[in-house]
PDB file of all heavy atoms in Angstrom:
ATOM      1  N   ALA A   1      -4.070   5.222   5.198  1.00  0.00           N
ATOM      2  CA  ALA A   1      -3.476   5.295   3.859  1.00  0.00           C
ATOM      3  C   ALA A   1      -2.938   6.690   3.584  1.00  0.00           C
ATOM      4  O   ALA A   1      -1.840   6.844   3.008  1.00  0.00           O
ATOM      5  CB  ALA A   1      -4.524   4.918   2.812  1.00  0.00           C
ATOM      6  N   ARG A   2      -3.661   7.736   4.010  1.00  0.00           N
ATOM      7  CA  ARG A   2      -3.171   9.108   3.790  1.00  0.00           C
ATOM      8  C   ARG A   2      -1.896   9.367   4.586  1.00  0.00           C
ATOM      9  O   ARG A   2      -0.945   9.988   4.082  1.00  0.00           O
ATOM     10  CB  ARG A   2      -4.256  10.106   4.186  1.00  0.00           C
ATOM     11  CG  ARG A   2      -5.451  10.149   3.241  1.00  0.00           C
ATOM     12  CD  ARG A   2      -6.352  11.319   3.573  1.00  0.00           C
ATOM     13  NE  ARG A   2      -7.469  11.416   2.658  1.00  0.00           N
ATOM     14  CZ  ARG A   2      -8.675  10.943   2.889  1.00  0.00           C
ATOM     15  NH1 ARG A   2      -8.935  10.322   4.023  1.00  0.00           N
ATOM     16  NH2 ARG A   2      -9.651  11.080   2.005  1.00  0.00           N
ATOM     17  N   LEU A   3      -1.870   8.914   5.840  1.00  0.00           N
ATOM     18  CA  LEU A   3      -0.660   9.091   6.649  1.00  0.00           C
ATOM     19  C   LEU A   3       0.520   8.350   6.035  1.00  0.00           C
ATOM     20  O   LEU A   3       1.650   8.865   6.010  1.00  0.00           O
ATOM     21  CB  LEU A   3      -0.920   8.599   8.074  1.00  0.00           C
ATOM     22  CG  LEU A   3      -1.911   9.413   8.912  1.00  0.00           C
ATOM     23  CD1 LEU A   3      -2.137   8.763  10.269  1.00  0.00           C
ATOM     24  CD2 LEU A   3      -1.400  10.845   9.099  1.00  0.00           C
ATOM     25  N   ALA A   4       0.271   7.142   5.542  1.00  0.00           N
ATOM     26  CA  ALA A   4       1.343   6.374   4.910  1.00  0.00           C
ATOM     27  C   ALA A   4       1.844   7.071   3.650  1.00  0.00           C
ATOM     28  O   ALA A   4       3.059   7.110   3.384  1.00  0.00           O
ATOM     29  CB  ALA A   4       0.849   4.969   4.574  1.00  0.00           C
ATOM     30  N   LEU A   5       0.934   7.656   2.858  1.00  0.00           N
ATOM     31  CA  LEU A   5       1.337   8.379   1.654  1.00  0.00           C
ATOM     32  C   LEU A   5       2.239   9.564   1.995  1.00  0.00           C
ATOM     33  O   LEU A   5       3.272   9.789   1.352  1.00  0.00           O
ATOM     34  CB  LEU A   5       0.096   8.872   0.904  1.00  0.00           C
ATOM     35  CG  LEU A   5      -0.658   7.855   0.054  1.00  0.00           C
ATOM     36  CD1 LEU A   5      -1.944   8.466  -0.482  1.00  0.00           C
ATOM     37  CD2 LEU A   5       0.214   7.386  -1.099  1.00  0.00           C
ATOM     38  N   VAL A   6       1.838  10.324   3.003  1.00  0.00           N
ATOM     39  CA  VAL A   6       2.635  11.485   3.406  1.00  0.00           C
ATOM     40  C   VAL A   6       4.021  11.047   3.877  1.00  0.00           C
ATOM     41  O   VAL A   6       5.048  11.627   3.500  1.00  0.00           O
ATOM     42  CB  VAL A   6       1.909  12.280   4.502  1.00  0.00           C
ATOM     43  CG1 VAL A   6       2.804  13.375   5.058  1.00  0.00           C
ATOM     44  CG2 VAL A   6       0.625  12.878   3.966  1.00  0.00           C
ATOM     45  N   LEU A   7       4.056   9.993   4.692  1.00  0.00           N
ATOM     46  CA  LEU A   7       5.324   9.517   5.229  1.00  0.00           C
ATOM     47  C   LEU A   7       6.245   9.020   4.121  1.00  0.00           C
ATOM     48  O   LEU A   7       7.436   9.382   4.073  1.00  0.00           O
ATOM     49  CB  LEU A   7       5.060   8.402   6.242  1.00  0.00           C
ATOM     50  CG  LEU A   7       6.290   7.823   6.965  1.00  0.00           C
ATOM     51  CD1 LEU A   7       6.982   8.925   7.763  1.00  0.00           C
ATOM     52  CD2 LEU A   7       5.879   6.681   7.882  1.00  0.00           C
ATOM     53  N   VAL A   8       5.706   8.224   3.203  1.00  0.00           N
ATOM     54  CA  VAL A   8       6.521   7.695   2.105  1.00  0.00           C
ATOM     55  C   VAL A   8       7.010   8.813   1.201  1.00  0.00           C
ATOM     56  O   VAL A   8       8.172   8.831   0.770  1.00  0.00           O
ATOM     57  CB  VAL A   8       5.710   6.652   1.306  1.00  0.00           C
ATOM     58  CG1 VAL A   8       6.445   6.265   0.030  1.00  0.00           C
ATOM     59  CG2 VAL A   8       5.462   5.405   2.149  1.00  0.00           C
ATOM     60  N   ALA A   9       6.131   9.776   0.893  1.00  0.00           N
ATOM     61  CA  ALA A   9       6.527  10.884   0.022  1.00  0.00           C
ATOM     62  C   ALA A   9       7.643  11.708   0.649  1.00  0.00           C
ATOM     63  O   ALA A   9       8.617  12.073  -0.027  1.00  0.00           O
ATOM     64  CB  ALA A   9       5.316  11.767  -0.275  1.00  0.00           C
ATOM     65  N   VAL A  10       7.517  11.998   1.950  1.00  0.00           N
ATOM     66  CA  VAL A  10       8.551  12.786   2.631  1.00  0.00           C
ATOM     67  C   VAL A  10       9.881  12.036   2.636  1.00  0.00           C
ATOM     68  O   VAL A  10      10.955  12.618   2.369  1.00  0.00           O
ATOM     69  CB  VAL A  10       8.098  13.132   4.059  1.00  0.00           C
ATOM     70  CG1 VAL A  10       9.250  13.734   4.859  1.00  0.00           C
ATOM     71  CG2 VAL A  10       6.932  14.100   4.019  1.00  0.00           C
ATOM     72  N   ILE A  11       9.860  10.745   2.922  1.00  0.00           N
ATOM     73  CA  ILE A  11      11.096   9.953   2.957  1.00  0.00           C
ATOM     74  C   ILE A  11      11.749   9.901   1.579  1.00  0.00           C
ATOM     75  O   ILE A  11      12.971  10.063   1.440  1.00  0.00           O
ATOM     76  CB  ILE A  11      10.796   8.542   3.478  1.00  0.00           C
ATOM     77  CG1 ILE A  11      10.429   8.598   4.971  1.00  0.00           C
ATOM     78  CG2 ILE A  11      12.004   7.620   3.275  1.00  0.00           C
ATOM     79  CD1 ILE A  11      10.016   7.261   5.547  1.00  0.00           C
ATOM     80  N   LEU A  12      10.949   9.711   0.525  1.00  0.00           N
ATOM     81  CA  LEU A  12      11.514   9.643  -0.827  1.00  0.00           C
ATOM     82  C   LEU A  12      12.102  10.983  -1.263  1.00  0.00           C
ATOM     83  O   LEU A  12      13.163  11.023  -1.895  1.00  0.00           O
ATOM     84  CB  LEU A  12      10.439   9.190  -1.817  1.00  0.00           C
ATOM     85  CG  LEU A  12       9.975   7.732  -1.699  1.00  0.00           C
ATOM     86  CD1 LEU A  12       8.849   7.458  -2.688  1.00  0.00           C
ATOM     87  CD2 LEU A  12      11.139   6.779  -1.937  1.00  0.00           C
ATOM     88  N   VAL A  13      11.420  12.074  -0.929  1.00  0.00           N
ATOM     89  CA  VAL A  13      11.948  13.393  -1.285  1.00  0.00           C
ATOM     90  C   VAL A  13      13.257  13.655  -0.557  1.00  0.00           C
ATOM     91  O   VAL A  13      14.243  14.126  -1.160  1.00  0.00           O
ATOM     92  CB  VAL A  13      10.906  14.484  -0.969  1.00  0.00           C
ATOM     93  CG1 VAL A  13      11.528  15.872  -1.086  1.00  0.00           C
ATOM     94  CG2 VAL A  13       9.727  14.380  -1.911  1.00  0.00           C
ATOM     95  N   LEU A  14      13.291  13.373   0.741  1.00  0.00           N
ATOM     96  CA  LEU A  14      14.526  13.590   1.502  1.00  0.00           C
ATOM     97  C   LEU A  14      15.654  12.697   1.011  1.00  0.00           C
ATOM     98  O   LEU A  14      16.817  13.105   0.991  1.00  0.00           O
ATOM     99  CB  LEU A  14      14.257  13.339   2.995  1.00  0.00           C
ATOM    100  CG  LEU A  14      13.326  14.349   3.688  1.00  0.00           C
ATOM    101  CD1 LEU A  14      13.083  13.921   5.130  1.00  0.00           C
ATOM    102  CD2 LEU A  14      13.927  15.748   3.647  1.00  0.00           C
ATOM    103  N   ASP A  15      15.322  11.477   0.614  1.00  0.00           N
ATOM    104  CA  ASP A  15      16.343  10.546   0.154  1.00  0.00           C
ATOM    105  C   ASP A  15      16.985  11.001  -1.156  1.00  0.00           C
ATOM    106  O   ASP A  15      18.131  10.630  -1.458  1.00  0.00           O
ATOM    107  CB  ASP A  15      15.724   9.158  -0.016  1.00  0.00           C
ATOM    108  CG  ASP A  15      16.778   8.088  -0.259  1.00  0.00           C
ATOM    109  OD1 ASP A  15      17.805   8.092   0.453  1.00  0.00           O
ATOM    110  OD2 ASP A  15      16.583   7.260  -1.175  1.00  0.00           O
ATOM    111  N   ASN A  16      16.255  11.808  -1.948  1.00  0.00           N
ATOM    112  CA  ASN A  16      16.790  12.272  -3.223  1.00  0.00           C
ATOM    113  C   ASN A  16      17.477  13.628  -3.132  1.00  0.00           C
ATOM    114  O   ASN A  16      18.021  14.101  -4.130  1.00  0.00           O
ATOM    115  CB  ASN A  16      15.660  12.361  -4.262  1.00  0.00           C
ATOM    116  CG  ASN A  16      15.292  11.006  -4.828  1.00  0.00           C
ATOM    117  OD1 ASN A  16      15.952  10.484  -5.714  1.00  0.00           O
ATOM    118  ND2 ASN A  16      14.222  10.420  -4.286  1.00  0.00           N
ATOM    119  N   LEU A  17      17.450  14.269  -1.977  1.00  0.00           N
ATOM    120  CA  LEU A  17      18.144  15.542  -1.822  1.00  0.00           C
ATOM    121  C   LEU A  17      19.637  15.305  -1.664  1.00  0.00           C
ATOM    122  O   LEU A  17      20.055  14.429  -0.895  1.00  0.00           O
ATOM    123  CB  LEU A  17      17.605  16.296  -0.601  1.00  0.00           C
ATOM    124  CG  LEU A  17      16.177  16.836  -0.699  1.00  0.00           C
ATOM    125  CD1 LEU A  17      15.779  17.523   0.588  1.00  0.00           C
ATOM    126  CD2 LEU A  17      16.025  17.780  -1.881  1.00  0.00           C
ATOM    127  N   PRO A  18      20.459  16.069  -2.357  1.00  0.00           N
ATOM    128  CA  PRO A  18      21.918  15.885  -2.238  1.00  0.00           C
ATOM    129  C   PRO A  18      22.407  16.183  -0.828  1.00  0.00           C
ATOM    130  O   PRO A  18      22.006  17.174  -0.209  1.00  0.00           O
ATOM    131  CB  PRO A  18      22.485  16.902  -3.239  1.00  0.00           C
ATOM    132  CG  PRO A  18      21.360  17.209  -4.160  1.00  0.00           C
ATOM    133  CD  PRO A  18      20.117  17.088  -3.357  1.00  0.00           C
ATOM    134  N   GLY A  19      23.235  15.325  -0.315  1.00  0.00           N
ATOM    135  CA  GLY A  19      23.844  15.548   0.988  1.00  0.00           C
ATOM    136  C   GLY A  19      22.996  15.134   2.168  1.00  0.00           C
ATOM    137  O   GLY A  19      23.405  15.324   3.325  1.00  0.00           O
ATOM    138  N   VAL A  20      21.813  14.594   1.949  1.00  0.00           N
ATOM    139  CA  VAL A  20      20.937  14.166   3.048  1.00  0.00           C
ATOM    140  C   VAL A  20      21.033  12.651   3.200  1.00  0.00           C
ATOM    141  O   VAL A  20      20.763  11.909   2.256  1.00  0.00           O
ATOM    142  CB  VAL A  20      19.474  14.585   2.789  1.00  0.00           C
ATOM    143  CG1 VAL A  20      18.577  14.068   3.910  1.00  0.00           C
ATOM    144  CG2 VAL A  20      19.369  16.085   2.683  1.00  0.00           C
ATOM    145  N   GLU A  21      21.460  12.212   4.378  1.00  0.00           N
ATOM    146  CA  GLU A  21      21.527  10.788   4.689  1.00  0.00           C
ATOM    147  C   GLU A  21      20.270  10.394   5.457  1.00  0.00           C
ATOM    148  O   GLU A  21      20.098  10.783   6.617  1.00  0.00           O
ATOM    149  CB  GLU A  21      22.786  10.477   5.514  1.00  0.00           C
ATOM    150  CG  GLU A  21      24.093  10.663   4.773  1.00  0.00           C
ATOM    151  CD  GLU A  21      24.269   9.651   3.656  1.00  0.00           C
ATOM    152  OE1 GLU A  21      23.639   8.571   3.734  1.00  0.00           O
ATOM    153  OE2 GLU A  21      25.022   9.939   2.709  1.00  0.00           O
ATOM    154  N   ILE A  22      19.419   9.665   4.791  1.00  0.00           N
ATOM    155  CA  ILE A  22      18.122   9.348   5.385  1.00  0.00           C
ATOM    156  C   ILE A  22      18.243   8.460   6.608  1.00  0.00           C
ATOM    157  O   ILE A  22      17.458   8.568   7.554  1.00  0.00           O
ATOM    158  CB  ILE A  22      17.203   8.693   4.319  1.00  0.00           C
ATOM    159  CG1 ILE A  22      15.761   8.642   4.815  1.00  0.00           C
ATOM    160  CG2 ILE A  22      17.705   7.320   3.939  1.00  0.00           C
ATOM    161  CD1 ILE A  22      15.114   9.963   5.001  1.00  0.00           C
ATOM    162  N   THR A  23      19.255   7.589   6.628  1.00  0.00           N
ATOM    163  CA  THR A  23      19.425   6.696   7.791  1.00  0.00           C
ATOM    164  C   THR A  23      19.780   7.485   9.049  1.00  0.00           C
ATOM    165  O   THR A  23      19.257   7.231  10.137  1.00  0.00           O
ATOM    166  CB  THR A  23      20.504   5.660   7.498  1.00  0.00           C
ATOM    167  OG1 THR A  23      21.706   6.328   7.091  1.00  0.00           O
ATOM    168  CG2 THR A  23      20.065   4.703   6.399  1.00  0.00           C
ATOM    169  N   GLU A  24      20.690   8.470   8.898  1.00  0.00           N
ATOM    170  CA  GLU A  24      21.049   9.297  10.053  1.00  0.00           C
ATOM    171  C   GLU A  24      19.874  10.148  10.503  1.00  0.00           C
ATOM    172  O   GLU A  24      19.667  10.381  11.695  1.00  0.00           O
ATOM    173  CB  GLU A  24      22.233  10.192   9.694  1.00  0.00           C
ATOM    174  CG  GLU A  24      23.522   9.417   9.389  1.00  0.00           C
ATOM    175  CD  GLU A  24      24.665  10.357   9.025  1.00  0.00           C
ATOM    176  OE1 GLU A  24      24.413  11.576   9.043  1.00  0.00           O
ATOM    177  OE2 GLU A  24      25.754   9.852   8.731  1.00  0.00           O
TER     178      GLU A  24
END
């Protein structure tokens, strides 16, 4: 659960940064 939390948080933060394409 802790690993999943870290992974989800990092993905969501990166997805909201301008100019960052999470898929690439």
